[in-house]
Amino acid sequence: MTDKQEVLRAAEQAIEGTDLFIVDVRVGAGNSIVVELDSPGSMDLDTVAAVSRSIEAKLDREKEDFELEVGSAGLTAPFKVRGQYDKNIGNEVEVLTTDGRKLRGTLTETTDEGFTIVMKVKEKPEGAKRPVVVDKPETFAYSQAKRVNYLIDFK
């Protein structure tokens, strides 16, 4: 079976000098290798093909045959690495917390420890007749989020 660390090193070398970052590397049964990439900007098919060729050139097919799939992490895929959080600052996200809460808000900040979203909530100020919508920020450690996804809204 192909070594995951060897694939990871080959992928890191292939994207060196670009704005691409690695989201995930998986080596499965039958030497099926999947490398998921992302970028703060856009990623075109030519770039993905070049990275795939570079990774394949660094792996030895004579030693062990493999199937290689290189692609984008996908719009609806849960965030796995910090780069995905950074890329989505200013976008609506959905957070499923480890304590079971499902929240929606705008991702406003990321740090090494966690991230902040701002949610729109209705609150009734003291003495007011009607509730008003206010921005409520909430900060999470990455470990407090079971899943964070980009929120696709077709309004």
Protein backbone atom coordinates (compact mmCIF):
# COMPACT_ATOMS: atom_id res chain seq x y z
CA MET A 1 0.00 0.00 0.00
CA THR A 2 1.25 3.46 -0.88
CA ASP A 3 2.42 5.51 2.12
CA LYS A 4 0.15 8.47 2.90
CA GLN A 5 3.12 10.59 4.04
CA GLU A 6 4.86 9.98 0.71
CA VAL A 7 1.73 11.17 -1.13
CA LEU A 8 1.45 14.18 1.18
CA ARG A 9 5.08 15.18 0.52
CA ALA A 10 4.55 14.79 -3.24
CA ALA A 11 1.40 16.94 -3.07
CA GLU A 12 3.16 19.62 -1.01
CA GLN A 13 5.99 19.75 -3.55
CA ALA A 14 3.48 19.90 -6.43
CA ILE A 15 1.69 22.97 -5.02
CA GLU A 16 4.82 24.76 -3.84
CA GLY A 17 4.86 28.35 -5.10
CA THR A 18 1.09 28.45 -5.71
CA ASP A 19 -1.79 29.70 -3.58
CA LEU A 20 -3.23 26.17 -3.40
CA PHE A 21 -3.47 24.33 -0.10
CA ILE A 22 -4.12 20.69 0.78
CA VAL A 23 -7.45 19.91 2.38
CA ASP A 24 -7.14 16.14 2.64
CA VAL A 25 -5.09 13.17 1.44
CA ARG A 26 -6.58 9.67 1.63
CA VAL A 27 -5.09 6.35 0.60
CA GLY A 28 -7.74 3.66 0.45
CA ALA A 29 -8.13 0.04 -0.44
CA GLY A 30 -6.58 -1.01 -3.72
CA ASN A 31 -4.17 1.94 -3.54
CA SER A 32 -6.88 4.44 -4.40
CA ILE A 33 -5.34 7.85 -3.65
CA VAL A 34 -7.50 10.97 -3.28
CA VAL A 35 -5.95 14.43 -2.90
CA GLU A 36 -8.34 17.31 -2.16
CA LEU A 37 -7.09 20.84 -2.81
CA ASP A 38 -8.48 24.32 -2.38
CA SER A 39 -7.40 27.87 -3.06
CA PRO A 40 -8.30 31.35 -1.77
CA GLY A 41 -9.11 32.21 -5.38
CA SER A 42 -10.30 30.01 -8.17
CA MET A 43 -8.84 26.72 -9.28
CA ASP A 44 -8.99 25.75 -12.95
CA LEU A 45 -8.80 22.32 -14.53
CA ASP A 46 -5.33 22.96 -16.02
CA THR A 47 -3.92 23.68 -12.56
CA VAL A 48 -5.46 20.51 -11.10
CA ALA A 49 -4.13 18.45 -14.03
CA ALA A 50 -0.62 19.89 -13.57
CA VAL A 51 -0.67 19.07 -9.85
CA SER A 52 -1.92 15.55 -10.61
CA ARG A 53 0.89 14.96 -13.14
CA SER A 54 3.46 16.28 -10.67
CA ILE A 55 2.25 13.98 -7.87
CA GLU A 56 2.12 10.99 -10.20
CA ALA A 57 5.70 11.64 -11.36
CA LYS A 58 6.92 11.55 -7.76
CA LEU A 59 5.27 8.20 -6.99
CA ASP A 60 6.74 4.94 -8.28
CA ARG A 61 4.21 2.94 -10.31
CA GLU A 62 6.79 0.23 -10.92
CA LYS A 63 7.00 -0.41 -7.17
CA GLU A 64 3.27 -0.32 -6.60
CA ASP A 65 0.36 0.50 -8.93
CA PHE A 66 -2.16 3.10 -7.78
CA GLU A 67 -5.20 5.10 -8.83
CA LEU A 68 -4.80 8.87 -8.32
CA GLU A 69 -7.64 11.37 -8.08
CA VAL A 70 -6.81 15.05 -7.57
CA GLY A 71 -9.60 17.59 -7.29
CA SER A 72 -11.25 20.45 -5.49
CA ALA A 73 -12.66 20.03 -2.00
CA GLY A 74 -16.11 20.96 -3.28
CA LEU A 75 -18.48 23.74 -2.34
CA THR A 76 -20.63 21.69 0.02
CA ALA A 77 -17.81 19.77 1.72
CA PRO A 78 -17.31 20.45 5.45
CA PHE A 79 -14.31 22.62 6.33
CA LYS A 80 -11.30 20.54 7.35
CA VAL A 81 -8.38 22.99 7.40
CA ARG A 82 -7.78 26.60 8.41
CA GLY A 83 -7.39 27.74 4.79
CA GLN A 84 -11.04 26.90 4.12
CA TYR A 85 -12.12 29.06 7.05
CA ASP A 86 -9.90 31.93 5.89
CA LYS A 87 -11.26 31.65 2.35
CA ASN A 88 -14.84 31.95 3.56
CA ILE A 89 -14.52 35.05 5.76
CA GLY A 90 -17.52 37.22 4.92
CA ASN A 91 -19.61 34.25 3.74
CA GLU A 92 -22.61 32.63 5.38
CA VAL A 93 -21.79 29.34 7.12
CA GLU A 94 -23.65 26.69 9.04
CA VAL A 95 -22.04 25.37 12.22
CA LEU A 96 -22.99 22.12 13.95
CA THR A 97 -21.47 22.30 17.40
CA THR A 98 -20.29 19.34 19.45
CA ASP A 99 -23.13 20.03 21.90
CA GLY A 100 -25.72 19.62 19.10
CA ARG A 101 -26.57 23.23 18.26
CA LYS A 102 -27.04 24.12 14.59
CA LEU A 103 -26.23 27.78 13.93
CA ARG A 104 -26.12 30.01 10.87
CA GLY A 105 -24.14 33.17 10.56
CA THR A 106 -21.48 35.14 8.73
CA LEU A 107 -17.92 33.97 9.29
CA THR A 108 -16.11 37.12 10.39
CA GLU A 109 -12.79 36.05 11.89
CA THR A 110 -10.36 33.16 12.15
CA THR A 111 -7.44 32.68 14.51
CA ASP A 112 -5.10 29.81 15.31
CA GLU A 113 -7.47 28.80 18.12
CA GLY A 114 -10.88 29.18 16.46
CA PHE A 115 -13.33 31.27 14.50
CA THR A 116 -16.15 33.78 14.99
CA ILE A 117 -19.54 33.96 13.32
CA VAL A 118 -22.08 36.76 13.58
CA MET A 119 -25.70 35.60 13.75
CA LYS A 120 -28.85 37.65 13.25
CA VAL A 121 -31.10 37.12 16.29
CA LYS A 122 -34.32 38.70 17.47
CA GLU A 123 -34.11 40.33 20.88
CA LYS A 124 -36.64 42.45 22.71
CA PRO A 125 -34.88 45.41 24.28
CA GLU A 126 -36.10 46.41 27.71
CA GLY A 127 -39.11 48.69 27.38
CA ALA A 128 -39.56 48.02 23.67
CA LYS A 129 -42.83 46.82 22.23
CA ARG A 130 -41.34 44.66 19.50
CA PRO A 131 -38.24 42.57 19.14
CA VAL A 132 -35.47 43.86 16.89
CA VAL A 133 -32.89 41.95 14.88
CA VAL A 134 -29.37 42.37 16.27
CA ASP A 135 -25.98 40.98 15.35
CA LYS A 136 -24.77 38.47 17.91
CA PRO A 137 -21.15 37.29 17.55
CA GLU A 138 -20.14 33.91 18.87
CA THR A 139 -16.61 32.53 18.95
CA PHE A 140 -15.82 28.82 18.75
CA ALA A 141 -12.68 26.78 19.19
CA TYR A 142 -12.18 24.53 16.16
CA SER A 143 -12.68 21.56 18.48
CA GLN A 144 -16.16 22.85 19.43
CA ALA A 145 -17.40 22.51 15.86
CA LYS A 146 -18.42 19.07 14.71
CA ARG A 147 -19.03 20.41 11.18
CA VAL A 148 -18.81 23.79 9.44
CA ASN A 149 -20.13 24.21 5.90
CA TYR A 150 -20.45 27.05 3.42
CA LEU A 151 -24.15 27.91 3.35
CA ILE A 152 -25.63 27.94 -0.11
CA ASP A 153 -28.69 30.18 -0.12
CA PHE A 154 -30.88 30.52 -3.20
CA LYS A 155 -32.75 33.68 -2.16
